[in-house]
Amino acid sequence: MSMHLYRGFEIHPLIYPRLASGDGRAHNYEAGFDAAVRICFPRTDATASASRVFKLDNAQAFDSAGDARRASLRHAEYLIDRHGGERWSSAGGA
């Protein structure tokens, strides 16, 4: 798994096959990929950082894991920028 830093936030793309594998196969990549992103808020003290996961809402699957990863990074940057780079509460919406 790759981790990226953006404005002090850790961004973790979460990429997975759109359809579950079947028939004894280990993977089902033919149907494409879905994506989510975990954003870890900057630490303000020595405690563990909090994080939230956001699923990308795409009607169509991404053709490749790379496309899904790039889209999840763009989505995380959009969410962080939308909040001015400030930590938003888990009670408030994204």
PDB file of N, CA and C in Angstrom:
ATOM      1  N   MET A   1       0.846  -1.165   0.000  1.00  0.00           N
ATOM      2  CA  MET A   1       0.000   0.000   0.000  1.00  0.00           C
ATOM      3  C   MET A   1       0.895   1.232   0.000  1.00  0.00           C
ATOM      4  N   SER A   2       0.521   2.218  -0.777  1.00  0.00           N
ATOM      5  CA  SER A   2       1.304   3.441  -0.838  1.00  0.00           C
ATOM      6  C   SER A   2       0.664   4.510   0.040  1.00  0.00           C
ATOM      7  N   MET A   3       1.501   5.357   0.609  1.00  0.00           N
ATOM      8  CA  MET A   3       1.038   6.456   1.432  1.00  0.00           C
ATOM      9  C   MET A   3       1.599   7.735   0.840  1.00  0.00           C
ATOM     10  N   HIS A   4       0.777   8.769   0.810  1.00  0.00           N
ATOM     11  CA  HIS A   4       1.189  10.063   0.288  1.00  0.00           C
ATOM     12  C   HIS A   4       0.925  11.119   1.346  1.00  0.00           C
ATOM     13  N   LEU A   5       1.711  12.179   1.341  1.00  0.00           N
ATOM     14  CA  LEU A   5       1.492  13.313   2.234  1.00  0.00           C
ATOM     15  C   LEU A   5       0.971  14.484   1.426  1.00  0.00           C
ATOM     16  N   TYR A   6      -0.037  15.167   1.964  1.00  0.00           N
ATOM     17  CA  TYR A   6      -0.582  16.352   1.319  1.00  0.00           C
ATOM     18  C   TYR A   6      -1.027  17.309   2.410  1.00  0.00           C
ATOM     19  N   ARG A   7      -0.405  18.478   2.466  1.00  0.00           N
ATOM     20  CA  ARG A   7      -0.728  19.517   3.445  1.00  0.00           C
ATOM     21  C   ARG A   7      -0.721  18.981   4.878  1.00  0.00           C
ATOM     22  N   GLY A   8       0.170  18.059   5.161  1.00  0.00           N
ATOM     23  CA  GLY A   8       0.301  17.505   6.503  1.00  0.00           C
ATOM     24  C   GLY A   8      -0.588  16.304   6.783  1.00  0.00           C
ATOM     25  N   PHE A   9      -1.451  15.944   5.853  1.00  0.00           N
ATOM     26  CA  PHE A   9      -2.342  14.797   6.000  1.00  0.00           C
ATOM     27  C   PHE A   9      -1.715  13.580   5.327  1.00  0.00           C
ATOM     28  N   GLU A  10      -1.873  12.421   5.931  1.00  0.00           N
ATOM     29  CA  GLU A  10      -1.482  11.175   5.279  1.00  0.00           C
ATOM     30  C   GLU A  10      -2.662  10.694   4.451  1.00  0.00           C
ATOM     31  N   ILE A  11      -2.392  10.333   3.210  1.00  0.00           N
ATOM     32  CA  ILE A  11      -3.426   9.833   2.303  1.00  0.00           C
ATOM     33  C   ILE A  11      -3.073   8.398   1.947  1.00  0.00           C
ATOM     34  N   HIS A  12      -4.020   7.498   2.175  1.00  0.00           N
ATOM     35  CA  HIS A  12      -3.830   6.079   1.874  1.00  0.00           C
ATOM     36  C   HIS A  12      -4.891   5.647   0.860  1.00  0.00           C
ATOM     37  N   PRO A  13      -4.532   5.484  -0.424  1.00  0.00           N
ATOM     38  CA  PRO A  13      -5.493   4.977  -1.403  1.00  0.00           C
ATOM     39  C   PRO A  13      -5.873   3.532  -1.070  1.00  0.00           C
ATOM     40  N   LEU A  14      -7.142   3.219  -1.186  1.00  0.00           N
ATOM     41  CA  LEU A  14      -7.651   1.866  -0.931  1.00  0.00           C
ATOM     42  C   LEU A  14      -8.310   1.382  -2.216  1.00  0.00           C
ATOM     43  N   ILE A  15      -7.670   0.458  -2.899  1.00  0.00           N
ATOM     44  CA  ILE A  15      -8.113  -0.008  -4.212  1.00  0.00           C
ATOM     45  C   ILE A  15      -8.501  -1.474  -4.108  1.00  0.00           C
ATOM     46  N   TYR A  16      -9.638  -1.832  -4.699  1.00  0.00           N
ATOM     47  CA  TYR A  16     -10.110  -3.211  -4.611  1.00  0.00           C
ATOM     48  C   TYR A  16     -10.926  -3.556  -5.853  1.00  0.00           C
ATOM     49  N   PRO A  17     -10.981  -4.843  -6.218  1.00  0.00           N
ATOM     50  CA  PRO A  17     -11.760  -5.265  -7.389  1.00  0.00           C
ATOM     51  C   PRO A  17     -13.243  -4.951  -7.193  1.00  0.00           C
ATOM     52  N   ARG A  18     -13.910  -4.547  -8.265  1.00  0.00           N
ATOM     53  CA  ARG A  18     -15.334  -4.205  -8.188  1.00  0.00           C
ATOM     54  C   ARG A  18     -16.181  -5.420  -7.822  1.00  0.00           C
ATOM     55  N   LEU A  19     -15.864  -6.570  -8.402  1.00  0.00           N
ATOM     56  CA  LEU A  19     -16.625  -7.788  -8.130  1.00  0.00           C
ATOM     57  C   LEU A  19     -15.760  -8.789  -7.382  1.00  0.00           C
ATOM     58  N   ALA A  20     -16.391  -9.525  -6.504  1.00  0.00           N
ATOM     59  CA  ALA A  20     -15.670 -10.559  -5.754  1.00  0.00           C
ATOM     60  C   ALA A  20     -15.236 -11.672  -6.698  1.00  0.00           C
ATOM     61  N   SER A  21     -14.154 -12.324  -6.345  1.00  0.00           N
ATOM     62  CA  SER A  21     -13.693 -13.447  -7.162  1.00  0.00           C
ATOM     63  C   SER A  21     -14.612 -14.639  -6.932  1.00  0.00           C
ATOM     64  N   GLY A  22     -14.645 -15.503  -7.887  1.00  0.00           N
ATOM     65  CA  GLY A  22     -15.494 -16.688  -7.778  1.00  0.00           C
ATOM     66  C   GLY A  22     -14.854 -17.862  -8.480  1.00  0.00           C
ATOM     67  N   ASP A  23     -15.500 -18.966  -8.437  1.00  0.00           N
ATOM     68  CA  ASP A  23     -15.033 -20.175  -9.121  1.00  0.00           C
ATOM     69  C   ASP A  23     -13.613 -20.558  -8.725  1.00  0.00           C
ATOM     70  N   GLY A  24     -13.253 -20.354  -7.466  1.00  0.00           N
ATOM     71  CA  GLY A  24     -11.939 -20.747  -6.988  1.00  0.00           C
ATOM     72  C   GLY A  24     -10.803 -19.852  -7.442  1.00  0.00           C
ATOM     73  N   ARG A  25     -11.119 -18.731  -8.076  1.00  0.00           N
ATOM     74  CA  ARG A  25     -10.072 -17.812  -8.534  1.00  0.00           C
ATOM     75  C   ARG A  25      -9.659 -16.886  -7.399  1.00  0.00           C
ATOM     76  N   ALA A  26      -8.415 -16.490  -7.409  1.00  0.00           N
ATOM     77  CA  ALA A  26      -7.904 -15.607  -6.355  1.00  0.00           C
ATOM     78  C   ALA A  26      -8.325 -14.157  -6.573  1.00  0.00           C
ATOM     79  N   HIS A  27      -8.475 -13.720  -7.836  1.00  0.00           N
ATOM     80  CA  HIS A  27      -8.775 -12.322  -8.143  1.00  0.00           C
ATOM     81  C   HIS A  27      -9.798 -12.242  -9.264  1.00  0.00           C
ATOM     82  N   ASN A  28     -10.504 -11.122  -9.314  1.00  0.00           N
ATOM     83  CA  ASN A  28     -11.400 -10.836 -10.421  1.00  0.00           C
ATOM     84  C   ASN A  28     -11.154  -9.398 -10.847  1.00  0.00           C
ATOM     85  N   TYR A  29     -10.150  -9.200 -11.697  1.00  0.00           N
ATOM     86  CA  TYR A  29      -9.799  -7.859 -12.129  1.00  0.00           C
ATOM     87  C   TYR A  29     -10.504  -7.461 -13.430  1.00  0.00           C
ATOM     88  N   GLU A  30     -11.134  -8.410 -14.100  1.00  0.00           N
ATOM     89  CA  GLU A  30     -11.752  -8.127 -15.393  1.00  0.00           C
ATOM     90  C   GLU A  30     -12.889  -7.113 -15.281  1.00  0.00           C
ATOM     91  N   ALA A  31     -13.581  -7.068 -14.140  1.00  0.00           N
ATOM     92  CA  ALA A  31     -14.710  -6.153 -13.959  1.00  0.00           C
ATOM     93  C   ALA A  31     -14.255  -4.758 -13.551  1.00  0.00           C
ATOM     94  N   GLY A  32     -12.964  -4.540 -13.392  1.00  0.00           N
ATOM     95  CA  GLY A  32     -12.455  -3.227 -13.020  1.00  0.00           C
ATOM     96  C   GLY A  32     -12.283  -3.081 -11.517  1.00  0.00           C
ATOM     97  N   PHE A  33     -12.062  -1.838 -11.102  1.00  0.00           N
ATOM     98  CA  PHE A  33     -11.717  -1.559  -9.709  1.00  0.00           C
ATOM     99  C   PHE A  33     -12.579  -0.443  -9.136  1.00  0.00           C
ATOM    100  N   ASP A  34     -12.796  -0.504  -7.839  1.00  0.00           N
ATOM    101  CA  ASP A  34     -13.406   0.580  -7.078  1.00  0.00           C
ATOM    102  C   ASP A  34     -12.334   1.155  -6.170  1.00  0.00           C
ATOM    103  N   ALA A  35     -12.620   2.330  -5.600  1.00  0.00           N
ATOM    104  CA  ALA A  35     -11.609   2.986  -4.776  1.00  0.00           C
ATOM    105  C   ALA A  35     -12.241   3.708  -3.603  1.00  0.00           C
ATOM    106  N   ALA A  36     -11.458   3.806  -2.560  1.00  0.00           N
ATOM    107  CA  ALA A  36     -11.759   4.629  -1.399  1.00  0.00           C
ATOM    108  C   ALA A  36     -10.433   5.247  -0.983  1.00  0.00           C
ATOM    109  N   VAL A  37     -10.494   6.153  -0.030  1.00  0.00           N
ATOM    110  CA  VAL A  37      -9.266   6.769   0.450  1.00  0.00           C
ATOM    111  C   VAL A  37      -9.383   6.986   1.953  1.00  0.00           C
ATOM    112  N   ARG A  38      -8.302   6.672   2.661  1.00  0.00           N
ATOM    113  CA  ARG A  38      -8.252   6.938   4.102  1.00  0.00           C
ATOM    114  C   ARG A  38      -7.384   8.167   4.297  1.00  0.00           C
ATOM    115  N   ILE A  39      -7.935   9.165   5.011  1.00  0.00           N
ATOM    116  CA  ILE A  39      -7.206  10.389   5.310  1.00  0.00           C
ATOM    117  C   ILE A  39      -6.912  10.396   6.801  1.00  0.00           C
ATOM    118  N   CYS A  40      -5.633  10.458   7.135  1.00  0.00           N
ATOM    119  CA  CYS A  40      -5.202  10.526   8.538  1.00  0.00           C
ATOM    120  C   CYS A  40      -4.907  11.982   8.865  1.00  0.00           C
ATOM    121  N   PHE A  41      -5.560  12.478   9.902  1.00  0.00           N
ATOM    122  CA  PHE A  41      -5.389  13.867  10.306  1.00  0.00           C
ATOM    123  C   PHE A  41      -4.036  14.066  10.971  1.00  0.00           C
ATOM    124  N   PRO A  42      -3.452  15.259  10.823  1.00  0.00           N
ATOM    125  CA  PRO A  42      -2.168  15.524  11.481  1.00  0.00           C
ATOM    126  C   PRO A  42      -2.293  15.378  12.997  1.00  0.00           C
ATOM    127  N   ARG A  43      -1.249  14.900  13.604  1.00  0.00           N
ATOM    128  CA  ARG A  43      -1.235  14.736  15.061  1.00  0.00           C
ATOM    129  C   ARG A  43      -1.004  16.091  15.719  1.00  0.00           C
ATOM    130  N   THR A  44      -1.754  16.330  16.791  1.00  0.00           N
ATOM    131  CA  THR A  44      -1.570  17.567  17.541  1.00  0.00           C
ATOM    132  C   THR A  44      -0.777  17.331  18.814  1.00  0.00           C
ATOM    133  N   ASP A  45      -0.610  16.078  19.193  1.00  0.00           N
ATOM    134  CA  ASP A  45       0.188  15.729  20.369  1.00  0.00           C
ATOM    135  C   ASP A  45       0.733  14.320  20.171  1.00  0.00           C
ATOM    136  N   ALA A  46       1.095  13.668  21.242  1.00  0.00           N
ATOM    137  CA  ALA A  46       1.714  12.337  21.139  1.00  0.00           C
ATOM    138  C   ALA A  46       0.701  11.212  20.942  1.00  0.00           C
ATOM    139  N   THR A  47      -0.582  11.524  20.880  1.00  0.00           N
ATOM    140  CA  THR A  47      -1.585  10.476  20.718  1.00  0.00           C
ATOM    141  C   THR A  47      -1.641  10.013  19.268  1.00  0.00           C
ATOM    142  N   ALA A  48      -2.278   8.893  19.066  1.00  0.00           N
ATOM    143  CA  ALA A  48      -2.438   8.359  17.713  1.00  0.00           C
ATOM    144  C   ALA A  48      -3.338   9.289  16.904  1.00  0.00           C
ATOM    145  N   SER A  49      -3.060   9.395  15.619  1.00  0.00           N
ATOM    146  CA  SER A  49      -3.861  10.271  14.776  1.00  0.00           C
ATOM    147  C   SER A  49      -5.194   9.616  14.443  1.00  0.00           C
ATOM    148  N   ALA A  50      -6.189  10.453  14.247  1.00  0.00           N
ATOM    149  CA  ALA A  50      -7.510   9.981  13.836  1.00  0.00           C
ATOM    150  C   ALA A  50      -7.547   9.921  12.313  1.00  0.00           C
ATOM    151  N   SER A  51      -8.473   9.142  11.783  1.00  0.00           N
ATOM    152  CA  SER A  51      -8.594   9.051  10.332  1.00  0.00           C
ATOM    153  C   SER A  51     -10.047   8.818   9.954  1.00  0.00           C
ATOM    154  N   ARG A  52     -10.333   9.083   8.677  1.00  0.00           N
ATOM    155  CA  ARG A  52     -11.654   8.798   8.111  1.00  0.00           C
ATOM    156  C   ARG A  52     -11.455   8.169   6.744  1.00  0.00           C
ATOM    157  N   VAL A  53     -12.424   7.345   6.354  1.00  0.00           N
ATOM    158  CA  VAL A  53     -12.388   6.695   5.047  1.00  0.00           C
ATOM    159  C   VAL A  53     -13.533   7.244   4.210  1.00  0.00           C
ATOM    160  N   PHE A  54     -13.228   7.572   2.957  1.00  0.00           N
ATOM    161  CA  PHE A  54     -14.211   8.099   2.018  1.00  0.00           C
ATOM    162  C   PHE A  54     -14.198   7.225   0.773  1.00  0.00           C
ATOM    163  N   LYS A  55     -15.360   6.705   0.408  1.00  0.00           N
ATOM    164  CA  LYS A  55     -15.482   5.886  -0.802  1.00  0.00           C
ATOM    165  C   LYS A  55     -15.763   6.799  -1.983  1.00  0.00           C
ATOM    166  N   LEU A  56     -15.079   6.568  -3.082  1.00  0.00           N
ATOM    167  CA  LEU A  56     -15.368   7.312  -4.294  1.00  0.00           C
ATOM    168  C   LEU A  56     -16.659   6.769  -4.886  1.00  0.00           C
ATOM    169  N   ASP A  57     -17.550   7.650  -5.249  1.00  0.00           N
ATOM    170  CA  ASP A  57     -18.860   7.254  -5.754  1.00  0.00           C
ATOM    171  C   ASP A  57     -18.836   7.294  -7.283  1.00  0.00           C
ATOM    172  N   ASN A  58     -18.445   6.182  -7.892  1.00  0.00           N
ATOM    173  CA  ASN A  58     -18.363   6.083  -9.348  1.00  0.00           C
ATOM    174  C   ASN A  58     -19.369   5.066  -9.847  1.00  0.00           C
ATOM    175  N   ALA A  59     -20.131   5.459 -10.858  1.00  0.00           N
ATOM    176  CA  ALA A  59     -21.089   4.526 -11.444  1.00  0.00           C
ATOM    177  C   ALA A  59     -20.355   3.422 -12.203  1.00  0.00           C
ATOM    178  N   GLN A  60     -19.263   3.777 -12.846  1.00  0.00           N
ATOM    179  CA  GLN A  60     -18.490   2.797 -13.610  1.00  0.00           C
ATOM    180  C   GLN A  60     -17.199   2.472 -12.876  1.00  0.00           C
ATOM    181  N   ALA A  61     -16.756   1.257 -13.039  1.00  0.00           N
ATOM    182  CA  ALA A  61     -15.495   0.828 -12.424  1.00  0.00           C
ATOM    183  C   ALA A  61     -14.320   1.492 -13.140  1.00  0.00           C
ATOM    184  N   PHE A  62     -13.224   1.646 -12.424  1.00  0.00           N
ATOM    185  CA  PHE A  62     -11.984   2.110 -13.043  1.00  0.00           C
ATOM    186  C   PHE A  62     -11.390   0.951 -13.834  1.00  0.00           C
ATOM    187  N   ASP A  63     -10.814   1.260 -14.997  1.00  0.00           N
ATOM    188  CA  ASP A  63     -10.242   0.221 -15.852  1.00  0.00           C
ATOM    189  C   ASP A  63      -9.007  -0.432 -15.243  1.00  0.00           C
ATOM    190  N   SER A  64      -8.238   0.341 -14.484  1.00  0.00           N
ATOM    191  CA  SER A  64      -7.002  -0.201 -13.913  1.00  0.00           C
ATOM    192  C   SER A  64      -6.850   0.257 -12.466  1.00  0.00           C
ATOM    193  N   ALA A  65      -6.018  -0.461 -11.736  1.00  0.00           N
ATOM    194  CA  ALA A  65      -5.736  -0.080 -10.350  1.00  0.00           C
ATOM    195  C   ALA A  65      -5.038   1.277 -10.310  1.00  0.00           C
ATOM    196  N   GLY A  66      -4.212   1.564 -11.295  1.00  0.00           N
ATOM    197  CA  GLY A  66      -3.531   2.858 -11.358  1.00  0.00           C
ATOM    198  C   GLY A  66      -4.505   4.010 -11.514  1.00  0.00           C
ATOM    199  N   ASP A  67      -5.514   3.843 -12.389  1.00  0.00           N
ATOM    200  CA  ASP A  67      -6.540   4.877 -12.550  1.00  0.00           C
ATOM    201  C   ASP A  67      -7.288   5.097 -11.237  1.00  0.00           C
ATOM    202  N   ALA A  68      -7.625   4.016 -10.556  1.00  0.00           N
ATOM    203  CA  ALA A  68      -8.342   4.110  -9.284  1.00  0.00           C
ATOM    204  C   ALA A  68      -7.480   4.795  -8.227  1.00  0.00           C
ATOM    205  N   ARG A  69      -6.205   4.480  -8.191  1.00  0.00           N
ATOM    206  CA  ARG A  69      -5.286   5.091  -7.213  1.00  0.00           C
ATOM    207  C   ARG A  69      -5.165   6.595  -7.452  1.00  0.00           C
ATOM    208  N   ARG A  70      -4.996   6.993  -8.702  1.00  0.00           N
ATOM    209  CA  ARG A  70      -4.878   8.421  -9.014  1.00  0.00           C
ATOM    210  C   ARG A  70      -6.163   9.165  -8.670  1.00  0.00           C
ATOM    211  N   ALA A  71      -7.306   8.562  -8.940  1.00  0.00           N
ATOM    212  CA  ALA A  71      -8.583   9.200  -8.612  1.00  0.00           C
ATOM    213  C   ALA A  71      -8.760   9.338  -7.105  1.00  0.00           C
ATOM    214  N   SER A  72      -8.329   8.344  -6.343  1.00  0.00           N
ATOM    215  CA  SER A  72      -8.474   8.427  -4.885  1.00  0.00           C
ATOM    216  C   SER A  72      -7.576   9.525  -4.317  1.00  0.00           C
ATOM    217  N   LEU A  73      -6.392   9.703  -4.879  1.00  0.00           N
ATOM    218  CA  LEU A  73      -5.508  10.786  -4.428  1.00  0.00           C
ATOM    219  C   LEU A  73      -6.108  12.151  -4.750  1.00  0.00           C
ATOM    220  N   ARG A  74      -6.659  12.308  -5.955  1.00  0.00           N
ATOM    221  CA  ARG A  74      -7.301  13.574  -6.324  1.00  0.00           C
ATOM    222  C   ARG A  74      -8.484  13.867  -5.410  1.00  0.00           C
ATOM    223  N   HIS A  75      -9.258  12.834  -5.097  1.00  0.00           N
ATOM    224  CA  HIS A  75     -10.424  13.007  -4.230  1.00  0.00           C
ATOM    225  C   HIS A  75      -9.993  13.447  -2.829  1.00  0.00           C
ATOM    226  N   ALA A  76      -8.944  12.845  -2.299  1.00  0.00           N
ATOM    227  CA  ALA A  76      -8.442  13.230  -0.974  1.00  0.00           C
ATOM    228  C   ALA A  76      -7.958  14.677  -0.985  1.00  0.00           C
ATOM    229  N   GLU A  77      -7.221  15.064  -2.009  1.00  0.00           N
ATOM    230  CA  GLU A  77      -6.739  16.443  -2.093  1.00  0.00           C
ATOM    231  C   GLU A  77      -7.909  17.418  -2.166  1.00  0.00           C
ATOM    232  N   TYR A  78      -8.945  17.058  -2.929  1.00  0.00           N
ATOM    233  CA  TYR A  78     -10.141  17.895  -3.012  1.00  0.00           C
ATOM    234  C   TYR A  78     -10.782  18.059  -1.631  1.00  0.00           C
ATOM    235  N   LEU A  79     -10.948  16.956  -0.896  1.00  0.00           N
ATOM    236  CA  LEU A  79     -11.569  17.026   0.428  1.00  0.00           C
ATOM    237  C   LEU A  79     -10.743  17.875   1.393  1.00  0.00           C
ATOM    238  N   ILE A  80      -9.438  17.705   1.368  1.00  0.00           N
ATOM    239  CA  ILE A  80      -8.560  18.481   2.250  1.00  0.00           C
ATOM    240  C   ILE A  80      -8.629  19.961   1.886  1.00  0.00           C
ATOM    241  N   ASP A  81      -8.554  20.280   0.597  1.00  0.00           N
ATOM    242  CA  ASP A  81      -8.615  21.673   0.158  1.00  0.00           C
ATOM    243  C   ASP A  81      -9.971  22.299   0.464  1.00  0.00           C
ATOM    244  N   ARG A  82     -11.027  21.518   0.346  1.00  0.00           N
ATOM    245  CA  ARG A  82     -12.380  22.012   0.620  1.00  0.00           C
ATOM    246  C   ARG A  82     -12.509  22.498   2.058  1.00  0.00           C
ATOM    247  N   HIS A  83     -11.734  21.921   2.937  1.00  0.00           N
ATOM    248  CA  HIS A  83     -11.768  22.302   4.349  1.00  0.00           C
ATOM    249  C   HIS A  83     -10.584  23.194   4.708  1.00  0.00           C
ATOM    250  N   GLY A  84      -9.945  23.777   3.720  1.00  0.00           N
ATOM    251  CA  GLY A  84      -8.857  24.708   3.965  1.00  0.00           C
ATOM    252  C   GLY A  84      -7.634  24.083   4.603  1.00  0.00           C
ATOM    253  N   GLY A  85      -7.475  22.789   4.469  1.00  0.00           N
ATOM    254  CA  GLY A  85      -6.332  22.115   5.062  1.00  0.00           C
ATOM    255  C   GLY A  85      -6.446  21.953   6.560  1.00  0.00           C
ATOM    256  N   GLU A  86      -7.610  22.295   7.104  1.00  0.00           N
ATOM    257  CA  GLU A  86      -7.833  22.157   8.541  1.00  0.00           C
ATOM    258  C   GLU A  86      -8.469  20.811   8.828  1.00  0.00           C
ATOM    259  N   ARG A  87      -8.248  20.332  10.014  1.00  0.00           N
ATOM    260  CA  ARG A  87      -8.876  19.073  10.428  1.00  0.00           C
ATOM    261  C   ARG A  87     -10.366  19.330  10.639  1.00  0.00           C
ATOM    262  N   TRP A  88     -11.202  18.494  10.051  1.00  0.00           N
ATOM    263  CA  TRP A  88     -12.634  18.617  10.268  1.00  0.00           C
ATOM    264  C   TRP A  88     -13.074  17.509  11.206  1.00  0.00           C
ATOM    265  N   SER A  89     -14.111  17.771  11.966  1.00  0.00           N
ATOM    266  CA  SER A  89     -14.533  16.797  12.983  1.00  0.00           C
ATOM    267  C   SER A  89     -15.237  15.628  12.330  1.00  0.00           C
ATOM    268  N   SER A  90     -15.201  14.498  13.005  1.00  0.00           N
ATOM    269  CA  SER A  90     -15.900  13.325  12.481  1.00  0.00           C
ATOM    270  C   SER A  90     -17.405  13.505  12.590  1.00  0.00           C
ATOM    271  N   ALA A  91     -17.859  14.419  13.457  1.00  0.00           N
ATOM    272  CA  ALA A  91     -19.294  14.676  13.579  1.00  0.00           C
ATOM    273  C   ALA A  91     -19.786  15.507  12.408  1.00  0.00           C
ATOM    274  N   GLY A  92     -18.933  16.401  11.904  1.00  0.00           N
ATOM    275  CA  GLY A  92     -19.311  17.215  10.767  1.00  0.00           C
ATOM    276  C   GLY A  92     -19.156  16.434   9.486  1.00  0.00           C
ATOM    277  N   GLY A  93     -19.890  16.788   8.476  1.00  0.00           N
ATOM    278  CA  GLY A  93     -19.806  16.072   7.209  1.00  0.00           C
ATOM    279  C   GLY A  93     -18.546  16.411   6.455  1.00  0.00           C
ATOM    280  N   ALA A  94     -18.273  15.642   5.438  1.00  0.00           N
ATOM    281  CA  ALA A  94     -17.088  15.890   4.620  1.00  0.00           C
ATOM    282  C   ALA A  94     -17.377  16.828   3.529  1.00  0.00           C
TER     283      ALA A  94
END
